[in-house]
Amino acid sequence: MCAVLSSLAQAWGSGDADAYGALFTQDAAYTAYVDAYYQGRCDITEAHRALFSGFVKGTKLADSLLGIRFLGPDTALVTSRGDTYTAGKPGELTKVQTYTMVREADGQ
């Protein structure tokens, strides 16, 4: 799970919408703090392609794990605190993210 969060931050920092979107399930739901809702991997990828070339271009993603709650052998609720930044990782992270992570049949 920590590797997934790290991969999300790495893809974000690279502005790589394809790598970012690939970390979500085909039927993922994504709710953003700016009143946006994306449904499915394709929608998440394309929305971030637009974001990475516009609004958040050149930003990085900071993330700090707050907790993991296992809901079963292949599902966990992961909560973290995060923020975007351009220079110098922020000391205080102002946003809270909640992820429902699942291990799919292929182990991903």
PDB file of N, CA and C in Angstrom:
ATOM      1  N   MET A   1       0.824  -1.187   0.000  1.00  0.00           N
ATOM      2  CA  MET A   1       0.000   0.000   0.000  1.00  0.00           C
ATOM      3  C   MET A   1       0.866   1.247   0.000  1.00  0.00           C
ATOM      4  N   CYS A   2       1.930   1.209   0.765  1.00  0.00           N
ATOM      5  CA  CYS A   2       2.834   2.361   0.775  1.00  0.00           C
ATOM      6  C   CYS A   2       3.487   2.529  -0.592  1.00  0.00           C
ATOM      7  N   ALA A   3       3.770   1.417  -1.269  1.00  0.00           N
ATOM      8  CA  ALA A   3       4.362   1.484  -2.608  1.00  0.00           C
ATOM      9  C   ALA A   3       3.384   2.123  -3.589  1.00  0.00           C
ATOM     10  N   VAL A   4       2.090   1.846  -3.438  1.00  0.00           N
ATOM     11  CA  VAL A   4       1.089   2.457  -4.309  1.00  0.00           C
ATOM     12  C   VAL A   4       1.062   3.965  -4.076  1.00  0.00           C
ATOM     13  N   LEU A   5       1.064   4.394  -2.820  1.00  0.00           N
ATOM     14  CA  LEU A   5       1.072   5.828  -2.521  1.00  0.00           C
ATOM     15  C   LEU A   5       2.324   6.494  -3.082  1.00  0.00           C
ATOM     16  N   SER A   6       3.443   5.817  -2.959  1.00  0.00           N
ATOM     17  CA  SER A   6       4.699   6.342  -3.501  1.00  0.00           C
ATOM     18  C   SER A   6       4.634   6.441  -5.020  1.00  0.00           C
ATOM     19  N   SER A   7       4.057   5.434  -5.655  1.00  0.00           N
ATOM     20  CA  SER A   7       3.912   5.443  -7.113  1.00  0.00           C
ATOM     21  C   SER A   7       2.972   6.554  -7.571  1.00  0.00           C
ATOM     22  N   LEU A   8       1.905   6.807  -6.809  1.00  0.00           N
ATOM     23  CA  LEU A   8       1.009   7.921  -7.128  1.00  0.00           C
ATOM     24  C   LEU A   8       1.768   9.242  -7.107  1.00  0.00           C
ATOM     25  N   ALA A   9       2.557   9.447  -6.060  1.00  0.00           N
ATOM     26  CA  ALA A   9       3.326  10.687  -5.927  1.00  0.00           C
ATOM     27  C   ALA A   9       4.366  10.806  -7.033  1.00  0.00           C
ATOM     28  N   GLN A  10       4.999   9.702  -7.387  1.00  0.00           N
ATOM     29  CA  GLN A  10       6.006   9.716  -8.441  1.00  0.00           C
ATOM     30  C   GLN A  10       5.375  10.048  -9.793  1.00  0.00           C
ATOM     31  N   ALA A  11       4.239   9.416 -10.102  1.00  0.00           N
ATOM     32  CA  ALA A  11       3.548   9.693 -11.368  1.00  0.00           C
ATOM     33  C   ALA A  11       3.090  11.144 -11.424  1.00  0.00           C
ATOM     34  N   TRP A  12       2.571  11.642 -10.298  1.00  0.00           N
ATOM     35  CA  TRP A  12       2.124  13.042 -10.223  1.00  0.00           C
ATOM     36  C   TRP A  12       3.302  13.973 -10.491  1.00  0.00           C
ATOM     37  N   GLY A  13       4.401  13.745  -9.805  1.00  0.00           N
ATOM     38  CA  GLY A  13       5.583  14.601  -9.958  1.00  0.00           C
ATOM     39  C   GLY A  13       6.154  14.587 -11.366  1.00  0.00           C
ATOM     40  N   SER A  14       5.950  13.480 -12.066  1.00  0.00           N
ATOM     41  CA  SER A  14       6.408  13.364 -13.454  1.00  0.00           C
ATOM     42  C   SER A  14       5.377  13.890 -14.443  1.00  0.00           C
ATOM     43  N   GLY A  15       4.193  14.217 -13.936  1.00  0.00           N
ATOM     44  CA  GLY A  15       3.120  14.666 -14.817  1.00  0.00           C
ATOM     45  C   GLY A  15       2.665  13.566 -15.763  1.00  0.00           C
ATOM     46  N   ASP A  16       2.753  12.316 -15.307  1.00  0.00           N
ATOM     47  CA  ASP A  16       2.461  11.153 -16.144  1.00  0.00           C
ATOM     48  C   ASP A  16       1.048  10.633 -15.852  1.00  0.00           C
ATOM     49  N   ALA A  17       0.088  11.114 -16.610  1.00  0.00           N
ATOM     50  CA  ALA A  17      -1.312  10.749 -16.395  1.00  0.00           C
ATOM     51  C   ALA A  17      -1.551   9.261 -16.613  1.00  0.00           C
ATOM     52  N   ASP A  18      -0.851   8.657 -17.570  1.00  0.00           N
ATOM     53  CA  ASP A  18      -1.037   7.230 -17.824  1.00  0.00           C
ATOM     54  C   ASP A  18      -0.570   6.398 -16.636  1.00  0.00           C
ATOM     55  N   ALA A  19       0.591   6.725 -16.081  1.00  0.00           N
ATOM     56  CA  ALA A  19       1.102   5.997 -14.910  1.00  0.00           C
ATOM     57  C   ALA A  19       0.210   6.248 -13.702  1.00  0.00           C
ATOM     58  N   TYR A  20      -0.271   7.464 -13.552  1.00  0.00           N
ATOM     59  CA  TYR A  20      -1.155   7.794 -12.436  1.00  0.00           C
ATOM     60  C   TYR A  20      -2.455   6.997 -12.542  1.00  0.00           C
ATOM     61  N   GLY A  21      -3.085   7.058 -13.684  1.00  0.00           N
ATOM     62  CA  GLY A  21      -4.351   6.358 -13.887  1.00  0.00           C
ATOM     63  C   GLY A  21      -4.229   4.853 -13.769  1.00  0.00           C
ATOM     64  N   ALA A  22      -3.086   4.299 -14.168  1.00  0.00           N
ATOM     65  CA  ALA A  22      -2.878   2.847 -14.115  1.00  0.00           C
ATOM     66  C   ALA A  22      -2.911   2.300 -12.694  1.00  0.00           C
ATOM     67  N   LEU A  23      -2.765   3.164 -11.714  1.00  0.00           N
ATOM     68  CA  LEU A  23      -2.770   2.732 -10.314  1.00  0.00           C
ATOM     69  C   LEU A  23      -4.182   2.569  -9.752  1.00  0.00           C
ATOM     70  N   PHE A  24      -5.183   2.899 -10.553  1.00  0.00           N
ATOM     71  CA  PHE A  24      -6.575   2.785 -10.130  1.00  0.00           C
ATOM     72  C   PHE A  24      -7.237   1.597 -10.835  1.00  0.00           C
ATOM     73  N   THR A  25      -8.229   1.012 -10.187  1.00  0.00           N
ATOM     74  CA  THR A  25      -8.973  -0.077 -10.801  1.00  0.00           C
ATOM     75  C   THR A  25      -9.801   0.460 -11.970  1.00  0.00           C
ATOM     76  N   GLN A  26     -10.223  -0.440 -12.848  1.00  0.00           N
ATOM     77  CA  GLN A  26     -11.041  -0.041 -13.998  1.00  0.00           C
ATOM     78  C   GLN A  26     -12.292   0.714 -13.572  1.00  0.00           C
ATOM     79  N   ASP A  27     -12.883   0.323 -12.438  1.00  0.00           N
ATOM     80  CA  ASP A  27     -14.143   0.927 -11.992  1.00  0.00           C
ATOM     81  C   ASP A  27     -13.966   1.885 -10.814  1.00  0.00           C
ATOM     82  N   ALA A  28     -12.772   2.419 -10.650  1.00  0.00           N
ATOM     83  CA  ALA A  28     -12.479   3.311  -9.521  1.00  0.00           C
ATOM     84  C   ALA A  28     -13.360   4.562  -9.544  1.00  0.00           C
ATOM     85  N   ALA A  29     -13.616   5.087  -8.368  1.00  0.00           N
ATOM     86  CA  ALA A  29     -14.280   6.380  -8.214  1.00  0.00           C
ATOM     87  C   ALA A  29     -13.279   7.316  -7.540  1.00  0.00           C
ATOM     88  N   TYR A  30     -13.194   8.544  -8.010  1.00  0.00           N
ATOM     89  CA  TYR A  30     -12.202   9.511  -7.525  1.00  0.00           C
ATOM     90  C   TYR A  30     -12.919  10.823  -7.257  1.00  0.00           C
ATOM     91  N   THR A  31     -12.906  11.243  -6.018  1.00  0.00           N
ATOM     92  CA  THR A  31     -13.500  12.520  -5.636  1.00  0.00           C
ATOM     93  C   THR A  31     -12.375  13.456  -5.227  1.00  0.00           C
ATOM     94  N   ALA A  32     -12.299  14.607  -5.861  1.00  0.00           N
ATOM     95  CA  ALA A  32     -11.233  15.567  -5.585  1.00  0.00           C
ATOM     96  C   ALA A  32     -11.748  16.702  -4.708  1.00  0.00           C
ATOM     97  N   TYR A  33     -10.836  17.363  -4.044  1.00  0.00           N
ATOM     98  CA  TYR A  33     -11.189  18.443  -3.119  1.00  0.00           C
ATOM     99  C   TYR A  33     -11.750  19.665  -3.833  1.00  0.00           C
ATOM    100  N   VAL A  34     -11.621  19.746  -5.134  1.00  0.00           N
ATOM    101  CA  VAL A  34     -12.128  20.911  -5.882  1.00  0.00           C
ATOM    102  C   VAL A  34     -13.495  20.622  -6.497  1.00  0.00           C
ATOM    103  N   ASP A  35     -14.278  19.778  -5.837  1.00  0.00           N
ATOM    104  CA  ASP A  35     -15.645  19.489  -6.256  1.00  0.00           C
ATOM    105  C   ASP A  35     -15.706  18.764  -7.597  1.00  0.00           C
ATOM    106  N   ALA A  36     -14.742  17.888  -7.830  1.00  0.00           N
ATOM    107  CA  ALA A  36     -14.721  17.104  -9.066  1.00  0.00           C
ATOM    108  C   ALA A  36     -14.895  15.624  -8.716  1.00  0.00           C
ATOM    109  N   TYR A  37     -15.558  14.908  -9.617  1.00  0.00           N
ATOM    110  CA  TYR A  37     -15.783  13.470  -9.433  1.00  0.00           C
ATOM    111  C   TYR A  37     -15.469  12.774 -10.750  1.00  0.00           C
ATOM    112  N   TYR A  38     -14.630  11.749 -10.692  1.00  0.00           N
ATOM    113  CA  TYR A  38     -14.252  10.989 -11.877  1.00  0.00           C
ATOM    114  C   TYR A  38     -14.641   9.534 -11.659  1.00  0.00           C
ATOM    115  N   GLN A  39     -15.159   8.906 -12.718  1.00  0.00           N
ATOM    116  CA  GLN A  39     -15.613   7.522 -12.623  1.00  0.00           C
ATOM    117  C   GLN A  39     -14.832   6.663 -13.607  1.00  0.00           C
ATOM    118  N   GLY A  40     -14.057   5.727 -13.082  1.00  0.00           N
ATOM    119  CA  GLY A  40     -13.318   4.789 -13.917  1.00  0.00           C
ATOM    120  C   GLY A  40     -11.905   5.242 -14.225  1.00  0.00           C
ATOM    121  N   ARG A  41     -11.051   4.263 -14.480  1.00  0.00           N
ATOM    122  CA  ARG A  41      -9.629   4.530 -14.753  1.00  0.00           C
ATOM    123  C   ARG A  41      -9.439   5.491 -15.920  1.00  0.00           C
ATOM    124  N   CYS A  42     -10.189   5.299 -16.991  1.00  0.00           N
ATOM    125  CA  CYS A  42     -10.039   6.161 -18.174  1.00  0.00           C
ATOM    126  C   CYS A  42     -10.366   7.613 -17.832  1.00  0.00           C
ATOM    127  N   ASP A  43     -11.451   7.839 -17.119  1.00  0.00           N
ATOM    128  CA  ASP A  43     -11.850   9.187 -16.727  1.00  0.00           C
ATOM    129  C   ASP A  43     -10.800   9.823 -15.815  1.00  0.00           C
ATOM    130  N   ILE A  44     -10.287   9.053 -14.868  1.00  0.00           N
ATOM    131  CA  ILE A  44      -9.255   9.543 -13.947  1.00  0.00           C
ATOM    132  C   ILE A  44      -7.996   9.918 -14.733  1.00  0.00           C
ATOM    133  N   THR A  45      -7.604   9.051 -15.656  1.00  0.00           N
ATOM    134  CA  THR A  45      -6.405   9.303 -16.465  1.00  0.00           C
ATOM    135  C   THR A  45      -6.566  10.569 -17.295  1.00  0.00           C
ATOM    136  N   GLU A  46      -7.664  10.681 -18.006  1.00  0.00           N
ATOM    137  CA  GLU A  46      -7.853  11.840 -18.894  1.00  0.00           C
ATOM    138  C   GLU A  46      -8.002  13.141 -18.111  1.00  0.00           C
ATOM    139  N   ALA A  47      -8.665  13.080 -16.963  1.00  0.00           N
ATOM    140  CA  ALA A  47      -8.786  14.281 -16.126  1.00  0.00           C
ATOM    141  C   ALA A  47      -7.411  14.732 -15.651  1.00  0.00           C
ATOM    142  N   HIS A  48      -6.580  13.774 -15.265  1.00  0.00           N
ATOM    143  CA  HIS A  48      -5.248  14.142 -14.792  1.00  0.00           C
ATOM    144  C   HIS A  48      -4.321  14.558 -15.940  1.00  0.00           C
ATOM    145  N   ARG A  49      -4.563  14.037 -17.121  1.00  0.00           N
ATOM    146  CA  ARG A  49      -3.800  14.511 -18.282  1.00  0.00           C
ATOM    147  C   ARG A  49      -4.037  16.021 -18.449  1.00  0.00           C
ATOM    148  N   ALA A  50      -5.296  16.425 -18.337  1.00  0.00           N
ATOM    149  CA  ALA A  50      -5.626  17.856 -18.446  1.00  0.00           C
ATOM    150  C   ALA A  50      -5.042  18.637 -17.274  1.00  0.00           C
ATOM    151  N   LEU A  51      -5.150  18.095 -16.069  1.00  0.00           N
ATOM    152  CA  LEU A  51      -4.608  18.779 -14.885  1.00  0.00           C
ATOM    153  C   LEU A  51      -3.092  18.948 -14.973  1.00  0.00           C
ATOM    154  N   PHE A  52      -2.398  17.869 -15.392  1.00  0.00           N
ATOM    155  CA  PHE A  52      -0.934  17.911 -15.449  1.00  0.00           C
ATOM    156  C   PHE A  52      -0.418  18.860 -16.523  1.00  0.00           C
ATOM    157  N   SER A  53      -1.254  19.179 -17.501  1.00  0.00           N
ATOM    158  CA  SER A  53      -0.823  20.138 -18.522  1.00  0.00           C
ATOM    159  C   SER A  53      -1.387  21.530 -18.243  1.00  0.00           C
ATOM    160  N   GLY A  54      -2.114  21.671 -17.149  1.00  0.00           N
ATOM    161  CA  GLY A  54      -2.721  22.960 -16.820  1.00  0.00           C
ATOM    162  C   GLY A  54      -2.572  23.318 -15.359  1.00  0.00           C
ATOM    163  N   PHE A  55      -3.668  23.191 -14.634  1.00  0.00           N
ATOM    164  CA  PHE A  55      -3.808  23.659 -13.250  1.00  0.00           C
ATOM    165  C   PHE A  55      -2.683  23.209 -12.306  1.00  0.00           C
ATOM    166  N   VAL A  56      -2.251  21.951 -12.371  1.00  0.00           N
ATOM    167  CA  VAL A  56      -1.230  21.453 -11.429  1.00  0.00           C
ATOM    168  C   VAL A  56       0.104  21.160 -12.122  1.00  0.00           C
ATOM    169  N   LYS A  57       0.286  21.700 -13.309  1.00  0.00           N
ATOM    170  CA  LYS A  57       1.525  21.473 -14.056  1.00  0.00           C
ATOM    171  C   LYS A  57       2.736  21.867 -13.222  1.00  0.00           C
ATOM    172  N   GLY A  58       3.710  20.971 -13.163  1.00  0.00           N
ATOM    173  CA  GLY A  58       4.951  21.252 -12.444  1.00  0.00           C
ATOM    174  C   GLY A  58       4.891  21.064 -10.944  1.00  0.00           C
ATOM    175  N   THR A  59       3.747  20.594 -10.426  1.00  0.00           N
ATOM    176  CA  THR A  59       3.659  20.387  -8.980  1.00  0.00           C
ATOM    177  C   THR A  59       4.076  18.964  -8.621  1.00  0.00           C
ATOM    178  N   LYS A  60       4.363  18.785  -7.360  1.00  0.00           N
ATOM    179  CA  LYS A  60       4.662  17.475  -6.801  1.00  0.00           C
ATOM    180  C   LYS A  60       3.602  17.167  -5.759  1.00  0.00           C
ATOM    181  N   LEU A  61       3.521  15.911  -5.383  1.00  0.00           N
ATOM    182  CA  LEU A  61       2.516  15.464  -4.424  1.00  0.00           C
ATOM    183  C   LEU A  61       3.208  14.955  -3.169  1.00  0.00           C
ATOM    184  N   ALA A  62       2.912  15.580  -2.036  1.00  0.00           N
ATOM    185  CA  ALA A  62       3.417  15.115  -0.746  1.00  0.00           C
ATOM    186  C   ALA A  62       2.335  14.259  -0.103  1.00  0.00           C
ATOM    187  N   ASP A  63       2.735  13.206   0.569  1.00  0.00           N
ATOM    188  CA  ASP A  63       1.773  12.295   1.173  1.00  0.00           C
ATOM    189  C   ASP A  63       2.371  11.714   2.447  1.00  0.00           C
ATOM    190  N   SER A  64       1.580  11.676   3.493  1.00  0.00           N
ATOM    191  CA  SER A  64       2.015  11.113   4.766  1.00  0.00           C
ATOM    192  C   SER A  64       0.927  10.166   5.277  1.00  0.00           C
ATOM    193  N   LEU A  65       1.270   8.936   5.455  1.00  0.00           N
ATOM    194  CA  LEU A  65       0.316   7.911   5.878  1.00  0.00           C
ATOM    195  C   LEU A  65      -0.196   8.191   7.288  1.00  0.00           C
ATOM    196  N   LEU A  66      -1.509   8.155   7.448  1.00  0.00           N
ATOM    197  CA  LEU A  66      -2.128   8.332   8.765  1.00  0.00           C
ATOM    198  C   LEU A  66      -2.582   7.003   9.362  1.00  0.00           C
ATOM    199  N   GLY A  67      -3.118   6.118   8.514  1.00  0.00           N
ATOM    200  CA  GLY A  67      -3.594   4.851   9.045  1.00  0.00           C
ATOM    201  C   GLY A  67      -4.053   3.898   7.968  1.00  0.00           C
ATOM    202  N   ILE A  68      -4.044   2.624   8.338  1.00  0.00           N
ATOM    203  CA  ILE A  68      -4.509   1.551   7.456  1.00  0.00           C
ATOM    204  C   ILE A  68      -5.473   0.696   8.264  1.00  0.00           C
ATOM    205  N   ARG A  69      -6.634   0.442   7.693  1.00  0.00           N
ATOM    206  CA  ARG A  69      -7.611  -0.439   8.333  1.00  0.00           C
ATOM    207  C   ARG A  69      -7.957  -1.543   7.341  1.00  0.00           C
ATOM    208  N   PHE A  70      -7.605  -2.771   7.688  1.00  0.00           N
ATOM    209  CA  PHE A  70      -7.874  -3.896   6.802  1.00  0.00           C
ATOM    210  C   PHE A  70      -9.338  -4.301   6.920  1.00  0.00           C
ATOM    211  N   LEU A  71      -9.999  -4.378   5.773  1.00  0.00           N
ATOM    212  CA  LEU A  71     -11.401  -4.760   5.731  1.00  0.00           C
ATOM    213  C   LEU A  71     -11.567  -6.217   5.311  1.00  0.00           C
ATOM    214  N   GLY A  72     -10.487  -6.861   4.970  1.00  0.00           N
ATOM    215  CA  GLY A  72     -10.453  -8.250   4.537  1.00  0.00           C
ATOM    216  C   GLY A  72      -9.054  -8.542   4.034  1.00  0.00           C
ATOM    217  N   PRO A  73      -8.813  -9.748   3.548  1.00  0.00           N
ATOM    218  CA  PRO A  73      -7.458 -10.101   3.117  1.00  0.00           C
ATOM    219  C   PRO A  73      -6.987  -9.325   1.885  1.00  0.00           C
ATOM    220  N   ASP A  74      -7.894  -8.791   1.087  1.00  0.00           N
ATOM    221  CA  ASP A  74      -7.521  -8.098  -0.138  1.00  0.00           C
ATOM    222  C   ASP A  74      -8.037  -6.669  -0.222  1.00  0.00           C
ATOM    223  N   THR A  75      -8.497  -6.118   0.896  1.00  0.00           N
ATOM    224  CA  THR A  75      -9.071  -4.769   0.887  1.00  0.00           C
ATOM    225  C   THR A  75      -8.628  -4.009   2.138  1.00  0.00           C
ATOM    226  N   ALA A  76      -8.251  -2.754   1.937  1.00  0.00           N
ATOM    227  CA  ALA A  76      -7.863  -1.915   3.067  1.00  0.00           C
ATOM    228  C   ALA A  76      -8.336  -0.487   2.840  1.00  0.00           C
ATOM    229  N   LEU A  77      -8.672   0.167   3.907  1.00  0.00           N
ATOM    230  CA  LEU A  77      -9.013   1.575   3.900  1.00  0.00           C
ATOM    231  C   LEU A  77      -7.755   2.310   4.368  1.00  0.00           C
ATOM    232  N   VAL A  78      -7.223   3.159   3.511  1.00  0.00           N
ATOM    233  CA  VAL A  78      -5.968   3.856   3.787  1.00  0.00           C
ATOM    234  C   VAL A  78      -6.255   5.350   3.862  1.00  0.00           C
ATOM    235  N   THR A  79      -5.810   5.966   4.931  1.00  0.00           N
ATOM    236  CA  THR A  79      -5.990   7.400   5.116  1.00  0.00           C
ATOM    237  C   THR A  79      -4.619   8.054   5.184  1.00  0.00           C
ATOM    238  N   SER A  80      -4.487   9.166   4.457  1.00  0.00           N
ATOM    239  CA  SER A  80      -3.221   9.887   4.469  1.00  0.00           C
ATOM    240  C   SER A  80      -3.501  11.385   4.453  1.00  0.00           C
ATOM    241  N   ARG A  81      -2.481  12.128   4.763  1.00  0.00           N
ATOM    242  CA  ARG A  81      -2.547  13.582   4.674  1.00  0.00           C
ATOM    243  C   ARG A  81      -1.617  13.972   3.534  1.00  0.00           C
ATOM    244  N   GLY A  82      -2.033  14.931   2.715  1.00  0.00           N
ATOM    245  CA  GLY A  82      -1.213  15.290   1.568  1.00  0.00           C
ATOM    246  C   GLY A  82      -1.401  16.717   1.126  1.00  0.00           C
ATOM    247  N   ASP A  83      -0.628  17.076   0.127  1.00  0.00           N
ATOM    248  CA  ASP A  83      -0.707  18.406  -0.447  1.00  0.00           C
ATOM    249  C   ASP A  83       0.127  18.438  -1.722  1.00  0.00           C
ATOM    250  N   THR A  84      -0.133  19.416  -2.555  1.00  0.00           N
ATOM    251  CA  THR A  84       0.704  19.633  -3.729  1.00  0.00           C
ATOM    252  C   THR A  84       1.659  20.781  -3.412  1.00  0.00           C
ATOM    253  N   TYR A  85       2.798  20.766  -4.099  1.00  0.00           N
ATOM    254  CA  TYR A  85       3.788  21.818  -3.891  1.00  0.00           C
ATOM    255  C   TYR A  85       4.665  21.944  -5.125  1.00  0.00           C
ATOM    256  N   THR A  86       5.375  23.053  -5.218  1.00  0.00           N
ATOM    257  CA  THR A  86       6.277  23.257  -6.345  1.00  0.00           C
ATOM    258  C   THR A  86       7.732  23.270  -5.909  1.00  0.00           C
ATOM    259  N   ALA A  87       8.029  23.871  -4.794  1.00  0.00           N
ATOM    260  CA  ALA A  87       9.415  23.928  -4.323  1.00  0.00           C
ATOM    261  C   ALA A  87       9.433  23.732  -2.812  1.00  0.00           C
ATOM    262  N   GLY A  88      10.238  22.837  -2.357  1.00  0.00           N
ATOM    263  CA  GLY A  88      10.338  22.590  -0.923  1.00  0.00           C
ATOM    264  C   GLY A  88       9.088  21.951  -0.363  1.00  0.00           C
ATOM    265  N   LYS A  89       9.193  20.697  -0.017  1.00  0.00           N
ATOM    266  CA  LYS A  89       8.054  19.951   0.533  1.00  0.00           C
ATOM    267  C   LYS A  89       7.454  20.712   1.707  1.00  0.00           C
ATOM    268  N   PRO A  90       6.128  20.888   1.716  1.00  0.00           N
ATOM    269  CA  PRO A  90       5.500  21.664   2.797  1.00  0.00           C
ATOM    270  C   PRO A  90       5.619  20.964   4.150  1.00  0.00           C
ATOM    271  N   GLY A  91       5.778  21.760   5.190  1.00  0.00           N
ATOM    272  CA  GLY A  91       5.871  21.205   6.538  1.00  0.00           C
ATOM    273  C   GLY A  91       4.531  20.687   7.026  1.00  0.00           C
ATOM    274  N   GLU A  92       3.470  21.425   6.725  1.00  0.00           N
ATOM    275  CA  GLU A  92       2.131  21.026   7.134  1.00  0.00           C
ATOM    276  C   GLU A  92       1.330  20.645   5.900  1.00  0.00           C
ATOM    277  N   LEU A  93       0.803  19.434   5.904  1.00  0.00           N
ATOM    278  CA  LEU A  93       0.000  18.949   4.784  1.00  0.00           C
ATOM    279  C   LEU A  93      -1.459  19.230   5.099  1.00  0.00           C
ATOM    280  N   THR A  94      -2.157  19.911   4.191  1.00  0.00           N
ATOM    281  CA  THR A  94      -3.472  20.473   4.507  1.00  0.00           C
ATOM    282  C   THR A  94      -4.670  19.650   4.047  1.00  0.00           C
ATOM    283  N   LYS A  95      -4.436  18.582   3.294  1.00  0.00           N
ATOM    284  CA  LYS A  95      -5.566  17.797   2.776  1.00  0.00           C
ATOM    285  C   LYS A  95      -5.524  16.377   3.335  1.00  0.00           C
ATOM    286  N   VAL A  96      -6.681  15.771   3.460  1.00  0.00           N
ATOM    287  CA  VAL A  96      -6.772  14.378   3.905  1.00  0.00           C
ATOM    288  C   VAL A  96      -7.362  13.555   2.763  1.00  0.00           C
ATOM    289  N   GLN A  97      -6.722  12.447   2.448  1.00  0.00           N
ATOM    290  CA  GLN A  97      -7.189  11.537   1.409  1.00  0.00           C
ATOM    291  C   GLN A  97      -7.602  10.223   2.047  1.00  0.00           C
ATOM    292  N   THR A  98      -8.623   9.624   1.495  1.00  0.00           N
ATOM    293  CA  THR A  98      -9.037   8.283   1.904  1.00  0.00           C
ATOM    294  C   THR A  98      -9.062   7.420   0.652  1.00  0.00           C
ATOM    295  N   TYR A  99      -8.337   6.319   0.693  1.00  0.00           N
ATOM    296  CA  TYR A  99      -8.277   5.377  -0.423  1.00  0.00           C
ATOM    297  C   TYR A  99      -8.876   4.053   0.030  1.00  0.00           C
ATOM    298  N   THR A 100      -9.647   3.431  -0.828  1.00  0.00           N
ATOM    299  CA  THR A 100     -10.030   2.047  -0.632  1.00  0.00           C
ATOM    300  C   THR A 100      -9.147   1.263  -1.581  1.00  0.00           C
ATOM    301  N   MET A 101      -8.208   0.519  -1.031  1.00  0.00           N
ATOM    302  CA  MET A 101      -7.267  -0.229  -1.865  1.00  0.00           C
ATOM    303  C   MET A 101      -7.677  -1.699  -1.899  1.00  0.00           C
ATOM    304  N   VAL A 102      -7.607  -2.254  -3.079  1.00  0.00           N
ATOM    305  CA  VAL A 102      -7.949  -3.673  -3.262  1.00  0.00           C
ATOM    306  C   VAL A 102      -6.825  -4.373  -4.013  1.00  0.00           C
ATOM    307  N   ARG A 103      -6.596  -5.612  -3.646  1.00  0.00           N
ATOM    308  CA  ARG A 103      -5.663  -6.449  -4.412  1.00  0.00           C
ATOM    309  C   ARG A 103      -6.531  -7.242  -5.380  1.00  0.00           C
ATOM    310  N   GLU A 104      -6.241  -7.063  -6.662  1.00  0.00           N
ATOM    311  CA  GLU A 104      -7.024  -7.736  -7.685  1.00  0.00           C
ATOM    312  C   GLU A 104      -6.497  -9.162  -7.896  1.00  0.00           C
ATOM    313  N   ALA A 105      -7.212  -9.930  -8.677  1.00  0.00           N
ATOM    314  CA  ALA A 105      -6.883 -11.343  -8.908  1.00  0.00           C
ATOM    315  C   ALA A 105      -5.460 -11.529  -9.433  1.00  0.00           C
ATOM    316  N   ASP A 106      -4.949 -10.530 -10.191  1.00  0.00           N
ATOM    317  CA  ASP A 106      -3.584 -10.634 -10.728  1.00  0.00           C
ATOM    318  C   ASP A 106      -2.513 -10.225  -9.727  1.00  0.00           C
ATOM    319  N   GLY A 107      -2.918  -9.903  -8.494  1.00  0.00           N
ATOM    320  CA  GLY A 107      -1.972  -9.536  -7.443  1.00  0.00           C
ATOM    321  C   GLY A 107      -1.671  -8.059  -7.366  1.00  0.00           C
ATOM    322  N   GLN A 108      -2.143  -7.291  -8.313  1.00  0.00           N
ATOM    323  CA  GLN A 108      -1.912  -5.835  -8.316  1.00  0.00           C
ATOM    324  C   GLN A 108      -2.886  -5.143  -7.400  1.00  0.00           C
TER     325      GLN A 108
END
